[in-house]
Amino acid sequence: MEAILHFMDVFIGSLDVFMEGLWITVKLSVVSLFIAIFIGLFIAILKISNIKILTWIADAYIWLVRGTPLIVQIFILYYGLTDIFLINQFWAGAIGLAFHSGAYIAEIIRGAIQSVDKGQREAGLSLGMSKGKTMRRIILPQAFRRAVPSLGNQFIIGIKDSSLVSFIGLQDLFGVASTMGSNSFDYLPYYLTVAVYYLLIVLILTFIVNRIEKRLSVSD
């Protein structure tokens, strides 16, 4: 009982500080995933192209991301980019997370595109549409609808992965918990607090994704 009361005191007493960390986490996740969608779409199109060199580039990128830990990628990008030009911790973290998530999103989109019946493409071409217009107006809308569940899962993973930016000094949720825990030498209640925040974020995102899925299924 005493441990629960202590946790509640920490949770309520640190609300203001964690709200600041929550804002950074949400902003970082939204920006990185927004960029990652464009990276993923671009790489997916390269991967399904008939040009070998473009396919090799896409395969190499995906292999590189999958074969190395995210924290290593963030460190390399952060310290590598800061050697070339000034970049703050937020954008270094956002680019690192986008670079990582983009590879997984690329595979999700590629699979969704290839799951669309070939007759859809042929129908678009028979109506006089170019390959690009057929892709934009017919294939991609259907592919994104099919990819919603997998993209939702990847977004949840991306939000949780964002905690790693604390290792380059960004005071997101996990960074706040680590700092406050080290200041008080009382780590457990702060880490439990940050776990609650992440659970709430994931709960809200899961609800949104489920609602989108239901709407799309009704429209089908």
Protein backbone atom coordinates (compact mmCIF):
# COMPACT_ATOMS: atom_id res chain seq x y z
CA MET A 1 0.00 0.00 0.00
CA GLU A 2 2.83 2.38 0.89
CA ALA A 3 4.51 1.69 -2.47
CA ILE A 4 1.27 2.48 -4.32
CA LEU A 5 0.83 5.76 -2.42
CA HIS A 6 4.44 6.68 -3.17
CA PHE A 7 3.89 5.99 -6.87
CA MET A 8 0.74 8.14 -6.88
CA ASP A 9 2.63 10.99 -5.19
CA VAL A 10 5.35 10.78 -7.85
CA PHE A 11 2.84 10.49 -10.68
CA ILE A 12 0.85 13.54 -9.58
CA GLY A 13 3.84 15.58 -8.43
CA SER A 14 5.71 15.14 -11.73
CA LEU A 15 2.70 15.80 -13.97
CA ASP A 16 3.92 19.16 -15.30
CA VAL A 17 7.38 17.85 -16.19
CA PHE A 18 6.03 14.73 -17.87
CA MET A 19 3.57 16.83 -19.88
CA GLU A 20 6.54 18.58 -21.45
CA GLY A 21 8.14 15.21 -22.21
CA LEU A 22 4.84 13.93 -23.58
CA TRP A 23 4.61 16.87 -25.97
CA ILE A 24 8.13 16.17 -27.27
CA THR A 25 7.37 12.45 -27.66
CA VAL A 26 4.14 13.09 -29.57
CA LYS A 27 5.69 15.79 -31.77
CA LEU A 28 8.74 13.64 -32.49
CA SER A 29 6.62 10.59 -33.33
CA VAL A 30 4.28 12.52 -35.65
CA VAL A 31 7.12 14.22 -37.53
CA SER A 32 9.25 11.08 -37.87
CA LEU A 33 6.35 8.87 -38.99
CA PHE A 34 5.17 11.51 -41.47
CA ILE A 35 8.63 11.54 -43.05
CA ALA A 36 8.83 7.73 -42.82
CA ILE A 37 5.63 7.33 -44.87
CA PHE A 38 7.16 9.25 -47.77
CA ILE A 39 10.43 7.33 -47.45
CA GLY A 40 8.52 4.04 -47.32
CA LEU A 41 6.37 4.91 -50.34
CA PHE A 42 9.42 5.95 -52.36
CA ILE A 43 11.38 2.81 -51.46
CA ALA A 44 8.34 0.58 -52.12
CA ILE A 45 7.99 2.01 -55.63
CA LEU A 46 11.70 1.47 -56.25
CA LYS A 47 11.41 -2.11 -55.03
CA ILE A 48 8.54 -3.04 -57.39
CA SER A 49 10.08 -1.27 -60.38
CA ASN A 50 11.47 -3.24 -63.30
CA ILE A 51 14.78 -1.36 -63.17
CA LYS A 52 17.35 -3.59 -61.46
CA ILE A 53 19.55 -0.82 -60.05
CA LEU A 54 16.54 0.80 -58.34
CA THR A 55 15.50 -2.55 -56.88
CA TRP A 56 19.04 -3.10 -55.58
CA ILE A 57 19.06 0.34 -53.94
CA ALA A 58 15.76 -0.42 -52.18
CA ASP A 59 16.96 -3.87 -51.10
CA ALA A 60 20.25 -2.44 -49.79
CA TYR A 61 18.45 0.23 -47.75
CA ILE A 62 16.02 -2.28 -46.22
CA TRP A 63 18.84 -4.74 -45.51
CA LEU A 64 20.91 -2.00 -43.83
CA VAL A 65 18.07 -0.88 -41.57
CA ARG A 66 17.02 -4.40 -40.62
CA GLY A 67 20.59 -5.51 -39.98
CA THR A 68 21.61 -2.77 -37.55
CA PRO A 69 20.11 -1.68 -34.20
CA LEU A 70 18.03 1.50 -34.16
CA ILE A 71 20.15 3.06 -31.41
CA VAL A 72 23.27 2.62 -33.58
CA GLN A 73 21.50 4.28 -36.51
CA ILE A 74 20.46 7.22 -34.34
CA PHE A 75 23.99 7.66 -33.00
CA ILE A 76 25.57 7.46 -36.47
CA LEU A 77 23.08 9.93 -37.95
CA TYR A 78 23.27 12.32 -34.99
CA TYR A 79 27.05 12.46 -34.69
CA GLY A 80 27.52 12.17 -38.45
CA LEU A 81 25.11 14.99 -39.29
CA THR A 82 26.45 17.32 -36.60
CA ASP A 83 29.92 16.94 -38.14
CA ILE A 84 28.58 18.27 -41.45
CA PHE A 85 26.15 21.00 -40.33
CA LEU A 86 24.40 22.15 -37.17
CA ILE A 87 21.32 20.13 -36.35
CA ASN A 88 19.49 20.00 -33.05
CA GLN A 89 18.65 16.86 -31.12
CA PHE A 90 14.99 16.89 -32.13
CA TRP A 91 15.64 16.80 -35.87
CA ALA A 92 18.49 14.33 -35.50
CA GLY A 93 16.14 12.02 -33.60
CA ALA A 94 13.28 12.54 -36.07
CA ILE A 95 15.49 11.78 -39.08
CA GLY A 96 16.95 8.71 -37.37
CA LEU A 97 13.51 7.34 -36.47
CA ALA A 98 12.15 8.11 -39.96
CA PHE A 99 15.14 6.42 -41.59
CA HIS A 100 14.47 3.31 -39.51
CA SER A 101 10.67 3.15 -39.80
CA GLY A 102 10.79 3.92 -43.50
CA ALA A 103 12.26 0.50 -44.29
CA TYR A 104 9.46 -1.37 -42.53
CA ILE A 105 6.77 0.89 -43.96
CA ALA A 106 8.27 0.29 -47.43
CA GLU A 107 7.74 -3.45 -47.06
CA ILE A 108 4.19 -2.92 -45.80
CA ILE A 109 3.29 -0.67 -48.74
CA ARG A 110 5.05 -2.94 -51.24
CA GLY A 111 3.04 -5.92 -50.04
CA ALA A 112 -0.19 -3.91 -50.15
CA ILE A 113 0.49 -2.68 -53.69
CA GLN A 114 1.26 -6.16 -54.93
CA SER A 115 -1.91 -7.50 -53.30
CA VAL A 116 -4.08 -5.29 -55.53
CA ASP A 117 -5.42 -7.33 -58.43
CA LYS A 118 -3.50 -6.79 -61.68
CA GLY A 119 -6.82 -6.24 -63.42
CA GLN A 120 -7.12 -2.90 -61.63
CA ARG A 121 -3.93 -1.69 -63.28
CA GLU A 122 -5.01 -3.01 -66.65
CA ALA A 123 -8.40 -1.29 -66.29
CA GLY A 124 -6.71 2.05 -65.59
CA LEU A 125 -4.42 1.71 -68.59
CA SER A 126 -7.33 0.72 -70.81
CA LEU A 127 -9.09 3.96 -69.84
CA GLY A 128 -6.14 5.92 -71.21
CA MET A 129 -4.45 6.67 -67.89
CA SER A 130 -0.67 6.73 -67.70
CA LYS A 131 1.14 4.27 -65.42
CA GLY A 132 1.77 7.04 -62.90
CA LYS A 133 -1.85 8.21 -62.84
CA THR A 134 -3.07 4.61 -62.57
CA MET A 135 -0.78 4.13 -59.58
CA ARG A 136 -1.93 7.36 -57.89
CA ARG A 137 -5.65 7.11 -58.53
CA ILE A 138 -6.38 3.38 -58.55
CA ILE A 139 -3.60 1.28 -57.02
CA LEU A 140 -2.35 3.40 -54.10
CA PRO A 141 -5.78 4.22 -52.59
CA GLN A 142 -6.62 0.50 -52.46
CA ALA A 143 -3.13 -0.39 -51.20
CA PHE A 144 -3.26 2.11 -48.34
CA ARG A 145 -6.66 0.83 -47.26
CA ARG A 146 -5.28 -2.70 -47.07
CA ALA A 147 -2.15 -1.50 -45.29
CA VAL A 148 -3.96 0.33 -42.46
CA PRO A 149 -3.70 -2.48 -39.84
CA SER A 150 0.00 -3.09 -40.51
CA LEU A 151 0.76 0.64 -40.66
CA GLY A 152 -1.06 1.10 -37.36
CA ASN A 153 1.15 -1.54 -35.74
CA GLN A 154 4.26 0.10 -37.20
CA PHE A 155 3.18 3.50 -35.87
CA ILE A 156 2.82 2.00 -32.39
CA ILE A 157 6.30 0.49 -32.66
CA GLY A 158 7.62 3.85 -33.88
CA ILE A 159 6.17 5.67 -30.87
CA LYS A 160 7.79 3.22 -28.46
CA ASP A 161 11.07 3.36 -30.39
CA SER A 162 11.11 7.14 -29.96
CA SER A 163 12.22 6.59 -26.35
CA LEU A 164 15.72 5.87 -27.68
CA VAL A 165 16.26 9.55 -28.55
CA SER A 166 16.83 10.16 -24.84
CA PHE A 167 20.31 8.71 -25.38
CA ILE A 168 21.25 11.75 -27.48
CA GLY A 169 19.99 14.07 -24.74
CA LEU A 170 16.42 14.77 -25.85
CA GLN A 171 14.05 15.16 -22.92
CA ASP A 172 11.16 13.08 -24.17
CA LEU A 173 9.07 10.93 -21.81
CA PHE A 174 11.83 8.42 -21.18
CA GLY A 175 14.45 11.16 -20.92
CA VAL A 176 12.39 12.94 -18.27
CA ALA A 177 11.95 9.69 -16.31
CA SER A 178 15.69 8.96 -16.43
CA THR A 179 16.64 12.48 -15.38
CA MET A 180 14.19 12.66 -12.49
CA GLY A 181 15.10 9.15 -11.35
CA SER A 182 18.82 9.98 -11.31
CA ASN A 183 18.18 13.23 -9.43
CA SER A 184 16.24 11.48 -6.66
CA PHE A 185 17.93 8.05 -6.82
CA ASP A 186 14.39 6.69 -6.90
CA TYR A 187 14.07 5.25 -10.41
CA LEU A 188 11.21 2.77 -10.16
CA PRO A 189 8.22 5.15 -9.66
CA TYR A 190 9.41 7.37 -12.53
CA TYR A 191 9.84 4.44 -14.89
CA LEU A 192 6.40 3.14 -13.86
CA THR A 193 5.02 6.61 -14.56
CA VAL A 194 6.53 6.73 -18.04
CA ALA A 195 5.14 3.23 -18.70
CA VAL A 196 1.64 4.52 -17.91
CA TYR A 197 2.06 7.40 -20.38
CA TYR A 198 3.20 5.07 -23.16
CA LEU A 199 0.32 2.70 -22.44
CA LEU A 200 -2.15 5.58 -22.75
CA ILE A 201 -0.63 6.75 -26.03
CA VAL A 202 -0.75 3.23 -27.48
CA LEU A 203 -4.33 2.79 -26.24
CA ILE A 204 -5.46 5.99 -27.98
CA LEU A 205 -3.63 5.14 -31.22
CA THR A 206 -5.04 1.59 -31.21
CA PHE A 207 -8.55 3.01 -30.80
CA ILE A 208 -8.03 5.40 -33.73
CA VAL A 209 -6.65 2.65 -35.99
CA ASN A 210 -9.56 0.35 -35.11
CA ARG A 211 -12.06 3.10 -35.92
CA ILE A 212 -10.40 3.70 -39.28
CA GLU A 213 -10.45 -0.03 -40.03
CA LYS A 214 -14.17 -0.24 -39.21
CA ARG A 215 -14.97 2.76 -41.41
CA LEU A 216 -13.04 1.30 -44.31
CA SER A 217 -14.72 -2.10 -43.89
CA VAL A 218 -18.15 -0.44 -43.96
CA SER A 219 -17.27 1.48 -47.13
CA ASP A 220 -16.12 -1.78 -48.73
